[in-house]
Amino acid sequence: MDQNLTPMNEERLAKYLLGESDPKETQLVADWIQESPENLRELNDFMAILAASKLPVDETLDEEAALERLNLRLANRTSVKKMTPIYRMVAILAIVFSAGWFLYHNTVANQLSARTSGQTLVQELPDGSSVILNKQTSLSFIGGFFRKTRHVNLSGEAFFKVSKDKAKPFIIDVADVRVTVVGTSFNVKSHKKEVTVNVESGIVMVQNQKGSVRLTAGEKVDIRDGHLIKGETKGKLYNYYYTNELVCDQTPLRDLVSILNEKFGANIIITNPAVESLPISTTFGDESLHEILDVASKTLKIRVVYGTGIIKIQ
């Protein structure tokens, strides 16, 4: 540096960059900048390091790359030995802040628990995936840079839209079943000791101790007594709890009855096995239970008998 150049107090530079200078101090810095290109370079260097110490929390930021760029930038500057005290302080704060934020973002901030009782819940997960929890459902999620997978424990029923990440499979453990995906949308339901998985898009792997199945859009698997029974999804009854619709498409009557019992808290039983597999194709929205059964009885030519605390289909 030219020994004839006017030195500038670094605290004054910091106040100038933070917009805290009074008019007199602002003018002093402005005059100093005009004095020499070297002064301008020094200001820019100081500004870059100060900015690094105030890194914003950006969900789209590649934490590792950002930290590496920061370390490289600081390493390429004047050696630490030649740094003035305020430069060293700012540089150290920048590294500590970045490392701390990185650790927090990939540990504590990548864990989540949610539980519902009498209402459904739409929940965003830390990895960008989303989930809709049905009533009486609990979920826990853990992910982050230090884990090889994104892991969920589920009890109840939920619809997942999984953010794609081939490097980190999305795994759901429910009852004794494991569901593994990369990026897809699907519904998982556990009731008593039975589990059902319906796939809306993408590819889903479902496995337990007795075997595994690969599902694609429009397919489902029912797990009963440990046995995996693969089939085709008939309509979209599984998503009634967040669409408020019962979409039947050649749907067996027994499947519709099962959902009606769940949706309305009813006790409907089919007493005539011959009608269990009768297919129905229609969509119900805000209709009452009585209205839905009335449509089903006329469409399928079945008899519905209402009793005290029980409804029989004959």
C-alpha atoms as a PDB file:
ATOM      1  CA  MET A   1       0.000   0.000   0.000  1.00  0.00           C
ATOM      2  CA  ASP A   2       1.193   3.549  -0.761  1.00  0.00           C
ATOM      3  CA  GLN A   3       2.409   5.021   2.541  1.00  0.00           C
ATOM      4  CA  ASN A   4       0.966   8.420   1.471  1.00  0.00           C
ATOM      5  CA  LEU A   5      -2.597   7.087   1.370  1.00  0.00           C
ATOM      6  CA  THR A   6      -4.938   8.047   4.195  1.00  0.00           C
ATOM      7  CA  PRO A   7      -5.663   5.065   6.476  1.00  0.00           C
ATOM      8  CA  MET A   8      -9.338   4.403   7.295  1.00  0.00           C
ATOM      9  CA  ASN A   9     -10.672   3.298  10.648  1.00  0.00           C
ATOM     10  CA  GLU A  10     -12.277  -0.144  10.162  1.00  0.00           C
ATOM     11  CA  GLU A  11     -15.077   0.490  12.664  1.00  0.00           C
ATOM     12  CA  ARG A  12     -16.031   3.495  10.564  1.00  0.00           C
ATOM     13  CA  LEU A  13     -16.029   1.314   7.427  1.00  0.00           C
ATOM     14  CA  ALA A  14     -18.304  -1.198   9.142  1.00  0.00           C
ATOM     15  CA  LYS A  15     -20.753   1.546  10.173  1.00  0.00           C
ATOM     16  CA  TYR A  16     -20.702   2.912   6.626  1.00  0.00           C
ATOM     17  CA  LEU A  17     -21.550  -0.494   5.079  1.00  0.00           C
ATOM     18  CA  LEU A  18     -24.266  -1.139   7.656  1.00  0.00           C
ATOM     19  CA  GLY A  19     -25.850   2.267   7.008  1.00  0.00           C
ATOM     20  CA  GLU A  20     -25.147   3.483  10.525  1.00  0.00           C
ATOM     21  CA  SER A  21     -22.803   6.401   9.713  1.00  0.00           C
ATOM     22  CA  ASP A  22     -23.774   9.968  10.436  1.00  0.00           C
ATOM     23  CA  PRO A  23     -23.472  12.470   7.522  1.00  0.00           C
ATOM     24  CA  LYS A  24     -19.963  13.522   8.519  1.00  0.00           C
ATOM     25  CA  GLU A  25     -18.659   9.935   8.689  1.00  0.00           C
ATOM     26  CA  THR A  26     -20.354   9.090   5.400  1.00  0.00           C
ATOM     27  CA  GLN A  27     -18.607  11.987   3.697  1.00  0.00           C
ATOM     28  CA  LEU A  28     -15.229  10.958   5.172  1.00  0.00           C
ATOM     29  CA  VAL A  29     -15.578   7.438   3.744  1.00  0.00           C
ATOM     30  CA  ALA A  30     -16.765   8.778   0.386  1.00  0.00           C
ATOM     31  CA  ASP A  31     -13.716  11.057   0.164  1.00  0.00           C
ATOM     32  CA  TRP A  32     -11.458   8.175   1.157  1.00  0.00           C
ATOM     33  CA  ILE A  33     -12.910   5.952  -1.599  1.00  0.00           C
ATOM     34  CA  GLN A  34     -12.261   8.674  -4.184  1.00  0.00           C
ATOM     35  CA  GLU A  35      -8.673   9.030  -3.045  1.00  0.00           C
ATOM     36  CA  SER A  36      -7.433   5.782  -4.589  1.00  0.00           C
ATOM     37  CA  PRO A  37      -8.556   2.622  -6.487  1.00  0.00           C
ATOM     38  CA  GLU A  38      -6.741   0.681  -3.775  1.00  0.00           C
ATOM     39  CA  ASN A  39      -9.068   2.157  -1.176  1.00  0.00           C
ATOM     40  CA  LEU A  40     -12.069   1.032  -3.238  1.00  0.00           C
ATOM     41  CA  ARG A  41     -10.652  -2.490  -3.465  1.00  0.00           C
ATOM     42  CA  GLU A  42     -10.140  -2.537   0.288  1.00  0.00           C
ATOM     43  CA  LEU A  43     -13.745  -1.448   0.828  1.00  0.00           C
ATOM     44  CA  ASN A  44     -15.020  -4.179  -1.527  1.00  0.00           C
ATOM     45  CA  ASP A  45     -12.953  -6.814   0.254  1.00  0.00           C
ATOM     46  CA  PHE A  46     -14.227  -5.661   3.607  1.00  0.00           C
ATOM     47  CA  MET A  47     -17.820  -5.630   2.309  1.00  0.00           C
ATOM     48  CA  ALA A  48     -17.532  -9.208   0.976  1.00  0.00           C
ATOM     49  CA  ILE A  49     -16.299 -10.559   4.284  1.00  0.00           C
ATOM     50  CA  LEU A  50     -18.904  -8.606   6.233  1.00  0.00           C
ATOM     51  CA  ALA A  51     -21.631  -9.989   3.957  1.00  0.00           C
ATOM     52  CA  ALA A  52     -20.337 -13.503   4.525  1.00  0.00           C
ATOM     53  CA  SER A  53     -20.852 -13.069   8.241  1.00  0.00           C
ATOM     54  CA  LYS A  54     -24.534 -12.287   7.634  1.00  0.00           C
ATOM     55  CA  LEU A  55     -25.469 -15.282   5.489  1.00  0.00           C
ATOM     56  CA  PRO A  56     -29.252 -15.512   5.112  1.00  0.00           C
ATOM     57  CA  VAL A  57     -31.118 -18.763   5.762  1.00  0.00           C
ATOM     58  CA  ASP A  58     -32.021 -19.880   2.246  1.00  0.00           C
ATOM     59  CA  GLU A  59     -33.824 -23.233   1.896  1.00  0.00           C
ATOM     60  CA  THR A  60     -32.512 -23.606  -1.675  1.00  0.00           C
ATOM     61  CA  LEU A  61     -28.901 -23.105  -0.635  1.00  0.00           C
ATOM     62  CA  ASP A  62     -26.445 -25.971  -1.125  1.00  0.00           C
ATOM     63  CA  GLU A  63     -24.974 -25.858   2.360  1.00  0.00           C
ATOM     64  CA  GLU A  64     -21.785 -27.769   1.580  1.00  0.00           C
ATOM     65  CA  ALA A  65     -21.039 -25.755  -1.538  1.00  0.00           C
ATOM     66  CA  ALA A  66     -21.755 -22.474   0.255  1.00  0.00           C
ATOM     67  CA  LEU A  67     -19.458 -23.347   3.120  1.00  0.00           C
ATOM     68  CA  GLU A  68     -16.724 -24.455   0.720  1.00  0.00           C
ATOM     69  CA  ARG A  69     -17.003 -21.216  -1.270  1.00  0.00           C
ATOM     70  CA  LEU A  70     -16.807 -19.197   1.923  1.00  0.00           C
ATOM     71  CA  ASN A  71     -13.722 -21.037   3.154  1.00  0.00           C
ATOM     72  CA  LEU A  72     -12.057 -20.729  -0.243  1.00  0.00           C
ATOM     73  CA  ARG A  73     -12.820 -17.025  -0.446  1.00  0.00           C
ATOM     74  CA  LEU A  74     -11.390 -16.395   2.985  1.00  0.00           C
ATOM     75  CA  ALA A  75      -8.322 -18.539   2.231  1.00  0.00           C
ATOM     76  CA  ASN A  76      -7.621 -16.580  -0.951  1.00  0.00           C
ATOM     77  CA  ARG A  77      -7.631 -13.289   0.882  1.00  0.00           C
ATOM     78  CA  THR A  78      -4.727 -11.827   2.827  1.00  0.00           C
ATOM     79  CA  SER A  79      -3.352 -14.480   5.192  1.00  0.00           C
ATOM     80  CA  VAL A  80      -4.775 -14.563   8.699  1.00  0.00           C
ATOM     81  CA  LYS A  81      -1.490 -13.290  10.036  1.00  0.00           C
ATOM     82  CA  LYS A  82      -1.833 -10.149   7.960  1.00  0.00           C
ATOM     83  CA  MET A  83      -5.510  -9.618   8.780  1.00  0.00           C
ATOM     84  CA  THR A  84      -6.326  -6.760  11.072  1.00  0.00           C
ATOM     85  CA  PRO A  85      -8.269  -7.672  14.239  1.00  0.00           C
ATOM     86  CA  ILE A  86     -11.672  -6.731  12.852  1.00  0.00           C
ATOM     87  CA  TYR A  87     -11.048  -8.745   9.653  1.00  0.00           C
ATOM     88  CA  ARG A  88     -10.124 -11.798  11.692  1.00  0.00           C
ATOM     89  CA  MET A  89     -13.167 -11.384  13.923  1.00  0.00           C
ATOM     90  CA  VAL A  90     -15.569 -11.088  10.983  1.00  0.00           C
ATOM     91  CA  ALA A  91     -13.994 -14.053   9.179  1.00  0.00           C
ATOM     92  CA  ILE A  92     -14.200 -16.264  12.272  1.00  0.00           C
ATOM     93  CA  LEU A  93     -17.813 -15.254  12.893  1.00  0.00           C
ATOM     94  CA  ALA A  94     -18.680 -16.071   9.270  1.00  0.00           C
ATOM     95  CA  ILE A  95     -17.251 -19.585   9.508  1.00  0.00           C
ATOM     96  CA  VAL A  96     -18.790 -20.275  12.928  1.00  0.00           C
ATOM     97  CA  PHE A  97     -22.189 -18.986  11.801  1.00  0.00           C
ATOM     98  CA  SER A  98     -22.121 -21.020   8.579  1.00  0.00           C
ATOM     99  CA  ALA A  99     -21.024 -24.220  10.304  1.00  0.00           C
ATOM    100  CA  GLY A 100     -23.590 -23.786  13.060  1.00  0.00           C
ATOM    101  CA  TRP A 101     -26.409 -23.121  10.625  1.00  0.00           C
ATOM    102  CA  PHE A 102     -25.343 -26.092   8.496  1.00  0.00           C
ATOM    103  CA  LEU A 103     -25.362 -28.439  11.510  1.00  0.00           C
ATOM    104  CA  TYR A 104     -28.715 -27.123  12.745  1.00  0.00           C
ATOM    105  CA  HIS A 105     -30.335 -27.332   9.316  1.00  0.00           C
ATOM    106  CA  ASN A 106     -29.252 -30.954   8.885  1.00  0.00           C
ATOM    107  CA  THR A 107     -30.026 -32.223  12.391  1.00  0.00           C
ATOM    108  CA  VAL A 108     -32.640 -30.468  14.517  1.00  0.00           C
ATOM    109  CA  ALA A 109     -34.396 -28.753  11.599  1.00  0.00           C
ATOM    110  CA  ASN A 110     -34.666 -32.046   9.694  1.00  0.00           C
ATOM    111  CA  GLN A 111     -36.768 -33.750  12.348  1.00  0.00           C
ATOM    112  CA  LEU A 112     -40.528 -33.450  12.671  1.00  0.00           C
ATOM    113  CA  SER A 113     -43.403 -35.086  14.530  1.00  0.00           C
ATOM    114  CA  ALA A 114     -47.120 -34.627  13.878  1.00  0.00           C
ATOM    115  CA  ARG A 115     -50.295 -36.097  15.315  1.00  0.00           C
ATOM    116  CA  THR A 116     -54.006 -35.732  14.544  1.00  0.00           C
ATOM    117  CA  SER A 117     -57.101 -36.567  16.551  1.00  0.00           C
ATOM    118  CA  GLY A 118     -60.482 -35.498  15.194  1.00  0.00           C
ATOM    119  CA  GLN A 119     -59.276 -33.577  12.121  1.00  0.00           C
ATOM    120  CA  THR A 120     -57.032 -34.115   9.112  1.00  0.00           C
ATOM    121  CA  LEU A 121     -53.757 -32.221   8.763  1.00  0.00           C
ATOM    122  CA  VAL A 122     -51.675 -31.024   5.792  1.00  0.00           C
ATOM    123  CA  GLN A 123     -47.996 -31.062   6.751  1.00  0.00           C
ATOM    124  CA  GLU A 124     -44.869 -29.971   4.859  1.00  0.00           C
ATOM    125  CA  LEU A 125     -41.815 -32.111   5.610  1.00  0.00           C
ATOM    126  CA  PRO A 126     -38.277 -30.693   5.926  1.00  0.00           C
ATOM    127  CA  ASP A 127     -37.144 -32.365   2.667  1.00  0.00           C
ATOM    128  CA  GLY A 128     -39.841 -30.597   0.614  1.00  0.00           C
ATOM    129  CA  SER A 129     -42.248 -33.534   0.572  1.00  0.00           C
ATOM    130  CA  SER A 130     -45.831 -33.041   1.733  1.00  0.00           C
ATOM    131  CA  VAL A 131     -48.189 -35.319   3.617  1.00  0.00           C
ATOM    132  CA  ILE A 132     -51.891 -35.271   4.477  1.00  0.00           C
ATOM    133  CA  LEU A 133     -52.678 -37.052   7.727  1.00  0.00           C
ATOM    134  CA  ASN A 134     -56.087 -38.611   8.231  1.00  0.00           C
ATOM    135  CA  LYS A 135     -57.759 -38.493  11.635  1.00  0.00           C
ATOM    136  CA  GLN A 136     -56.174 -40.457  14.487  1.00  0.00           C
ATOM    137  CA  THR A 137     -52.774 -40.579  12.779  1.00  0.00           C
ATOM    138  CA  SER A 138     -49.252 -39.971  14.038  1.00  0.00           C
ATOM    139  CA  LEU A 139     -46.046 -39.472  12.076  1.00  0.00           C
ATOM    140  CA  SER A 140     -42.381 -38.820  12.771  1.00  0.00           C
ATOM    141  CA  PHE A 141     -39.778 -37.797  10.165  1.00  0.00           C
ATOM    142  CA  ILE A 142     -35.999 -37.594  10.253  1.00  0.00           C
ATOM    143  CA  GLY A 143     -33.657 -36.662   7.384  1.00  0.00           C
ATOM    144  CA  GLY A 144     -30.739 -34.376   6.626  1.00  0.00           C
ATOM    145  CA  PHE A 145     -27.229 -34.372   5.166  1.00  0.00           C
ATOM    146  CA  PHE A 146     -25.818 -36.849   7.682  1.00  0.00           C
ATOM    147  CA  ARG A 147     -28.383 -39.581   6.914  1.00  0.00           C
ATOM    148  CA  LYS A 148     -28.484 -41.897   3.900  1.00  0.00           C
ATOM    149  CA  THR A 149     -32.289 -42.008   3.866  1.00  0.00           C
ATOM    150  CA  ARG A 150     -35.353 -39.933   4.694  1.00  0.00           C
ATOM    151  CA  HIS A 151     -37.211 -41.965   7.290  1.00  0.00           C
ATOM    152  CA  VAL A 152     -40.832 -41.908   8.474  1.00  0.00           C
ATOM    153  CA  ASN A 153     -42.608 -43.866  11.191  1.00  0.00           C
ATOM    154  CA  LEU A 154     -46.363 -43.906  10.606  1.00  0.00           C
ATOM    155  CA  SER A 155     -49.387 -45.043  12.566  1.00  0.00           C
ATOM    156  CA  GLY A 156     -52.780 -44.530  10.942  1.00  0.00           C
ATOM    157  CA  GLU A 157     -53.316 -43.240   7.412  1.00  0.00           C
ATOM    158  CA  ALA A 158     -51.582 -40.619   5.271  1.00  0.00           C
ATOM    159  CA  PHE A 159     -51.208 -39.523   1.658  1.00  0.00           C
ATOM    160  CA  PHE A 160     -47.643 -38.656   0.634  1.00  0.00           C
ATOM    161  CA  LYS A 161     -46.248 -36.535  -2.191  1.00  0.00           C
ATOM    162  CA  VAL A 162     -42.539 -37.268  -1.995  1.00  0.00           C
ATOM    163  CA  SER A 163     -39.922 -34.828  -3.265  1.00  0.00           C
ATOM    164  CA  LYS A 164     -37.571 -36.661  -5.638  1.00  0.00           C
ATOM    165  CA  ASP A 165     -34.065 -37.392  -4.378  1.00  0.00           C
ATOM    166  CA  LYS A 166     -32.394 -40.508  -5.819  1.00  0.00           C
ATOM    167  CA  ALA A 167     -29.505 -40.200  -3.372  1.00  0.00           C
ATOM    168  CA  LYS A 168     -31.803 -40.411  -0.350  1.00  0.00           C
ATOM    169  CA  PRO A 169     -34.660 -42.942  -0.575  1.00  0.00           C
ATOM    170  CA  PHE A 170     -37.843 -42.081   1.296  1.00  0.00           C
ATOM    171  CA  ILE A 171     -38.717 -44.933   3.676  1.00  0.00           C
ATOM    172  CA  ILE A 172     -41.917 -45.425   5.664  1.00  0.00           C
ATOM    173  CA  ASP A 173     -42.190 -47.998   8.425  1.00  0.00           C
ATOM    174  CA  VAL A 174     -45.805 -48.800   9.292  1.00  0.00           C
ATOM    175  CA  ALA A 175     -46.763 -51.797  11.429  1.00  0.00           C
ATOM    176  CA  ASP A 176     -44.462 -54.593  10.167  1.00  0.00           C
ATOM    177  CA  VAL A 177     -44.310 -53.185   6.630  1.00  0.00           C
ATOM    178  CA  ARG A 178     -41.670 -51.039   4.934  1.00  0.00           C
ATOM    179  CA  VAL A 179     -42.532 -48.753   2.001  1.00  0.00           C
ATOM    180  CA  THR A 180     -39.627 -47.388  -0.069  1.00  0.00           C
ATOM    181  CA  VAL A 181     -39.825 -44.694  -2.764  1.00  0.00           C
ATOM    182  CA  VAL A 182     -37.656 -42.044  -4.425  1.00  0.00           C
ATOM    183  CA  GLY A 183     -40.245 -39.530  -5.614  1.00  0.00           C
ATOM    184  CA  THR A 184     -43.925 -40.367  -6.030  1.00  0.00           C
ATOM    185  CA  SER A 185     -47.437 -39.963  -4.581  1.00  0.00           C
ATOM    186  CA  PHE A 186     -49.263 -42.694  -2.715  1.00  0.00           C
ATOM    187  CA  ASN A 187     -51.559 -43.483   0.203  1.00  0.00           C
ATOM    188  CA  VAL A 188     -50.621 -45.675   3.171  1.00  0.00           C
ATOM    189  CA  LYS A 189     -53.230 -46.969   5.597  1.00  0.00           C
ATOM    190  CA  SER A 190     -52.788 -49.158   8.652  1.00  0.00           C
ATOM    191  CA  HIS A 191     -55.802 -50.436  10.549  1.00  0.00           C
ATOM    192  CA  LYS A 192     -55.472 -52.973  13.325  1.00  0.00           C
ATOM    193  CA  LYS A 193     -52.886 -55.329  11.818  1.00  0.00           C
ATOM    194  CA  GLU A 194     -53.729 -54.715   8.150  1.00  0.00           C
ATOM    195  CA  VAL A 195     -51.892 -52.324   5.827  1.00  0.00           C
ATOM    196  CA  THR A 196     -52.964 -51.033   2.402  1.00  0.00           C
ATOM    197  CA  VAL A 197     -50.828 -49.019  -0.033  1.00  0.00           C
ATOM    198  CA  ASN A 198     -52.414 -47.296  -3.063  1.00  0.00           C
ATOM    199  CA  VAL A 199     -50.078 -45.739  -5.647  1.00  0.00           C
ATOM    200  CA  GLU A 200     -51.166 -42.627  -7.520  1.00  0.00           C
ATOM    201  CA  SER A 201     -47.922 -41.918  -9.413  1.00  0.00           C
ATOM    202  CA  GLY A 202     -44.371 -43.249  -9.646  1.00  0.00           C
ATOM    203  CA  ILE A 203     -42.987 -46.537  -8.337  1.00  0.00           C
ATOM    204  CA  VAL A 204     -43.305 -47.873  -4.798  1.00  0.00           C
ATOM    205  CA  MET A 205     -41.627 -50.896  -3.217  1.00  0.00           C
ATOM    206  CA  VAL A 206     -43.506 -52.595  -0.366  1.00  0.00           C
ATOM    207  CA  GLN A 207     -41.962 -55.343   1.708  1.00  0.00           C
ATOM    208  CA  ASN A 208     -42.252 -57.314   4.905  1.00  0.00           C
ATOM    209  CA  GLN A 209     -40.714 -60.492   6.270  1.00  0.00           C
ATOM    210  CA  LYS A 210     -42.718 -62.668   3.882  1.00  0.00           C
ATOM    211  CA  GLY A 211     -41.907 -60.919   0.602  1.00  0.00           C
ATOM    212  CA  SER A 212     -42.037 -57.741  -1.471  1.00  0.00           C
ATOM    213  CA  VAL A 213     -44.020 -56.218  -4.330  1.00  0.00           C
ATOM    214  CA  ARG A 214     -43.372 -53.418  -6.815  1.00  0.00           C
ATOM    215  CA  LEU A 215     -46.302 -51.072  -7.425  1.00  0.00           C
ATOM    216  CA  THR A 216     -46.917 -48.491 -10.139  1.00  0.00           C
ATOM    217  CA  ALA A 217     -49.700 -45.946 -10.691  1.00  0.00           C
ATOM    218  CA  GLY A 218     -53.164 -47.460 -10.309  1.00  0.00           C
ATOM    219  CA  GLU A 219     -51.953 -50.459  -8.310  1.00  0.00           C
ATOM    220  CA  LYS A 220     -52.312 -51.368  -4.653  1.00  0.00           C
ATOM    221  CA  VAL A 221     -51.284 -53.987  -2.165  1.00  0.00           C
ATOM    222  CA  ASP A 222     -53.208 -55.283   0.841  1.00  0.00           C
ATOM    223  CA  ILE A 223     -51.174 -56.898   3.616  1.00  0.00           C
ATOM    224  CA  ARG A 224     -53.246 -59.286   5.730  1.00  0.00           C
ATOM    225  CA  ASP A 225     -51.750 -61.783   8.144  1.00  0.00           C
ATOM    226  CA  GLY A 226     -48.360 -60.935   6.651  1.00  0.00           C
ATOM    227  CA  HIS A 227     -49.411 -61.883   3.100  1.00  0.00           C
ATOM    228  CA  LEU A 228     -48.978 -59.295   0.334  1.00  0.00           C
ATOM    229  CA  ILE A 229     -51.970 -59.275  -2.028  1.00  0.00           C
ATOM    230  CA  LYS A 230     -51.331 -57.114  -5.090  1.00  0.00           C
ATOM    231  CA  GLY A 231     -54.238 -55.736  -7.084  1.00  0.00           C
ATOM    232  CA  GLU A 232     -55.641 -52.905  -9.160  1.00  0.00           C
ATOM    233  CA  THR A 233     -57.109 -49.818  -7.530  1.00  0.00           C
ATOM    234  CA  LYS A 234     -60.766 -49.516  -8.520  1.00  0.00           C
ATOM    235  CA  GLY A 235     -61.628 -45.828  -8.283  1.00  0.00           C
ATOM    236  CA  LYS A 236     -60.288 -43.500  -5.604  1.00  0.00           C
ATOM    237  CA  LEU A 237     -61.954 -44.324  -2.340  1.00  0.00           C
ATOM    238  CA  TYR A 238     -58.677 -44.125  -0.430  1.00  0.00           C
ATOM    239  CA  ASN A 239     -58.385 -40.342  -0.735  1.00  0.00           C
ATOM    240  CA  TYR A 240     -61.878 -39.396   0.442  1.00  0.00           C
ATOM    241  CA  TYR A 241     -60.536 -37.826   3.652  1.00  0.00           C
ATOM    242  CA  TYR A 242     -58.816 -34.972   1.808  1.00  0.00           C
ATOM    243  CA  THR A 243     -60.834 -34.723  -1.435  1.00  0.00           C
ATOM    244  CA  ASN A 244     -64.252 -35.148   0.227  1.00  0.00           C
ATOM    245  CA  GLU A 245     -65.233 -37.380  -2.695  1.00  0.00           C
ATOM    246  CA  LEU A 246     -65.917 -41.091  -3.089  1.00  0.00           C
ATOM    247  CA  VAL A 247     -64.858 -41.968  -6.628  1.00  0.00           C
ATOM    248  CA  CYS A 248     -66.075 -45.417  -7.663  1.00  0.00           C
ATOM    249  CA  ASP A 249     -64.912 -47.006 -10.925  1.00  0.00           C
ATOM    250  CA  GLN A 250     -66.086 -50.595 -11.130  1.00  0.00           C
ATOM    251  CA  THR A 251     -65.482 -50.618  -7.399  1.00  0.00           C
ATOM    252  CA  PRO A 252     -66.664 -53.728  -5.521  1.00  0.00           C
ATOM    253  CA  LEU A 253     -69.535 -53.036  -3.128  1.00  0.00           C
ATOM    254  CA  ARG A 254     -67.552 -54.429  -0.172  1.00  0.00           C
ATOM    255  CA  ASP A 255     -64.862 -51.747  -0.715  1.00  0.00           C
ATOM    256  CA  LEU A 256     -67.437 -48.961  -0.773  1.00  0.00           C
ATOM    257  CA  VAL A 257     -69.099 -50.316   2.380  1.00  0.00           C
ATOM    258  CA  SER A 258     -65.755 -50.428   4.189  1.00  0.00           C
ATOM    259  CA  ILE A 259     -65.102 -46.740   3.452  1.00  0.00           C
ATOM    260  CA  LEU A 260     -68.686 -45.748   4.343  1.00  0.00           C
ATOM    261  CA  ASN A 261     -68.285 -47.365   7.751  1.00  0.00           C
ATOM    262  CA  GLU A 262     -65.082 -45.392   8.268  1.00  0.00           C
ATOM    263  CA  LYS A 263     -66.329 -42.069   6.890  1.00  0.00           C
ATOM    264  CA  PHE A 264     -69.670 -42.015   8.700  1.00  0.00           C
ATOM    265  CA  GLY A 265     -68.816 -44.138  11.735  1.00  0.00           C
ATOM    266  CA  ALA A 266     -71.535 -46.517  10.594  1.00  0.00           C
ATOM    267  CA  ASN A 267     -72.055 -50.249  11.112  1.00  0.00           C
ATOM    268  CA  ILE A 268     -72.963 -51.585   7.691  1.00  0.00           C
ATOM    269  CA  ILE A 269     -72.707 -55.323   7.062  1.00  0.00           C
ATOM    270  CA  ILE A 270     -73.285 -57.314   3.892  1.00  0.00           C
ATOM    271  CA  THR A 271     -75.353 -60.364   4.801  1.00  0.00           C
ATOM    272  CA  ASN A 272     -75.547 -61.722   1.254  1.00  0.00           C
ATOM    273  CA  PRO A 273     -72.074 -62.823   0.016  1.00  0.00           C
ATOM    274  CA  ALA A 274     -73.371 -62.865  -3.552  1.00  0.00           C
ATOM    275  CA  VAL A 275     -73.532 -59.054  -3.681  1.00  0.00           C
ATOM    276  CA  GLU A 276     -70.123 -58.297  -2.147  1.00  0.00           C
ATOM    277  CA  SER A 277     -68.328 -58.120  -5.520  1.00  0.00           C
ATOM    278  CA  LEU A 278     -70.991 -56.192  -7.417  1.00  0.00           C
ATOM    279  CA  PRO A 279     -69.228 -53.271  -9.177  1.00  0.00           C
ATOM    280  CA  ILE A 280     -70.406 -49.697  -8.884  1.00  0.00           C
ATOM    281  CA  SER A 281     -69.239 -46.681 -10.934  1.00  0.00           C
ATOM    282  CA  THR A 282     -70.223 -43.241  -9.697  1.00  0.00           C
ATOM    283  CA  THR A 283     -68.913 -40.314  -7.650  1.00  0.00           C
ATOM    284  CA  PHE A 284     -70.335 -39.181  -4.329  1.00  0.00           C
ATOM    285  CA  GLY A 285     -69.621 -35.778  -2.829  1.00  0.00           C
ATOM    286  CA  ASP A 286     -71.648 -34.187  -0.046  1.00  0.00           C
ATOM    287  CA  GLU A 287     -74.387 -36.817  -0.028  1.00  0.00           C
ATOM    288  CA  SER A 288     -75.529 -38.268   3.288  1.00  0.00           C
ATOM    289  CA  LEU A 289     -75.052 -41.933   4.144  1.00  0.00           C
ATOM    290  CA  HIS A 290     -78.733 -42.586   3.484  1.00  0.00           C
ATOM    291  CA  GLU A 291     -78.511 -40.914   0.061  1.00  0.00           C
ATOM    292  CA  ILE A 292     -75.421 -42.931  -0.913  1.00  0.00           C
ATOM    293  CA  LEU A 293     -76.997 -46.224   0.114  1.00  0.00           C
ATOM    294  CA  ASP A 294     -80.176 -45.282  -1.741  1.00  0.00           C
ATOM    295  CA  VAL A 295     -78.172 -44.759  -4.959  1.00  0.00           C
ATOM    296  CA  ALA A 296     -76.291 -48.036  -4.418  1.00  0.00           C
ATOM    297  CA  SER A 297     -79.499 -49.988  -3.796  1.00  0.00           C
ATOM    298  CA  LYS A 298     -81.124 -48.705  -6.978  1.00  0.00           C
ATOM    299  CA  THR A 299     -77.988 -49.111  -9.100  1.00  0.00           C
ATOM    300  CA  LEU A 300     -77.085 -52.605  -7.929  1.00  0.00           C
ATOM    301  CA  LYS A 301     -80.645 -53.723  -7.175  1.00  0.00           C
ATOM    302  CA  ILE A 302     -79.854 -54.656  -3.622  1.00  0.00           C
ATOM    303  CA  ARG A 303     -81.891 -54.327  -0.447  1.00  0.00           C
ATOM    304  CA  VAL A 304     -80.821 -52.047   2.406  1.00  0.00           C
ATOM    305  CA  VAL A 305     -82.399 -52.713   5.793  1.00  0.00           C
ATOM    306  CA  TYR A 306     -81.981 -50.114   8.564  1.00  0.00           C
ATOM    307  CA  GLY A 307     -81.972 -51.386  12.132  1.00  0.00           C
ATOM    308  CA  THR A 308     -80.975 -50.025  15.523  1.00  0.00           C
ATOM    309  CA  GLY A 309     -77.240 -49.423  15.386  1.00  0.00           C
ATOM    310  CA  ILE A 310     -76.846 -51.592  12.299  1.00  0.00           C
ATOM    311  CA  ILE A 311     -77.489 -51.440   8.547  1.00  0.00           C
ATOM    312  CA  LYS A 312     -77.805 -54.677   6.599  1.00  0.00           C
ATOM    313  CA  ILE A 313     -77.288 -55.065   2.857  1.00  0.00           C
ATOM    314  CA  GLN A 314     -79.058 -58.082   1.380  1.00  0.00           C
END
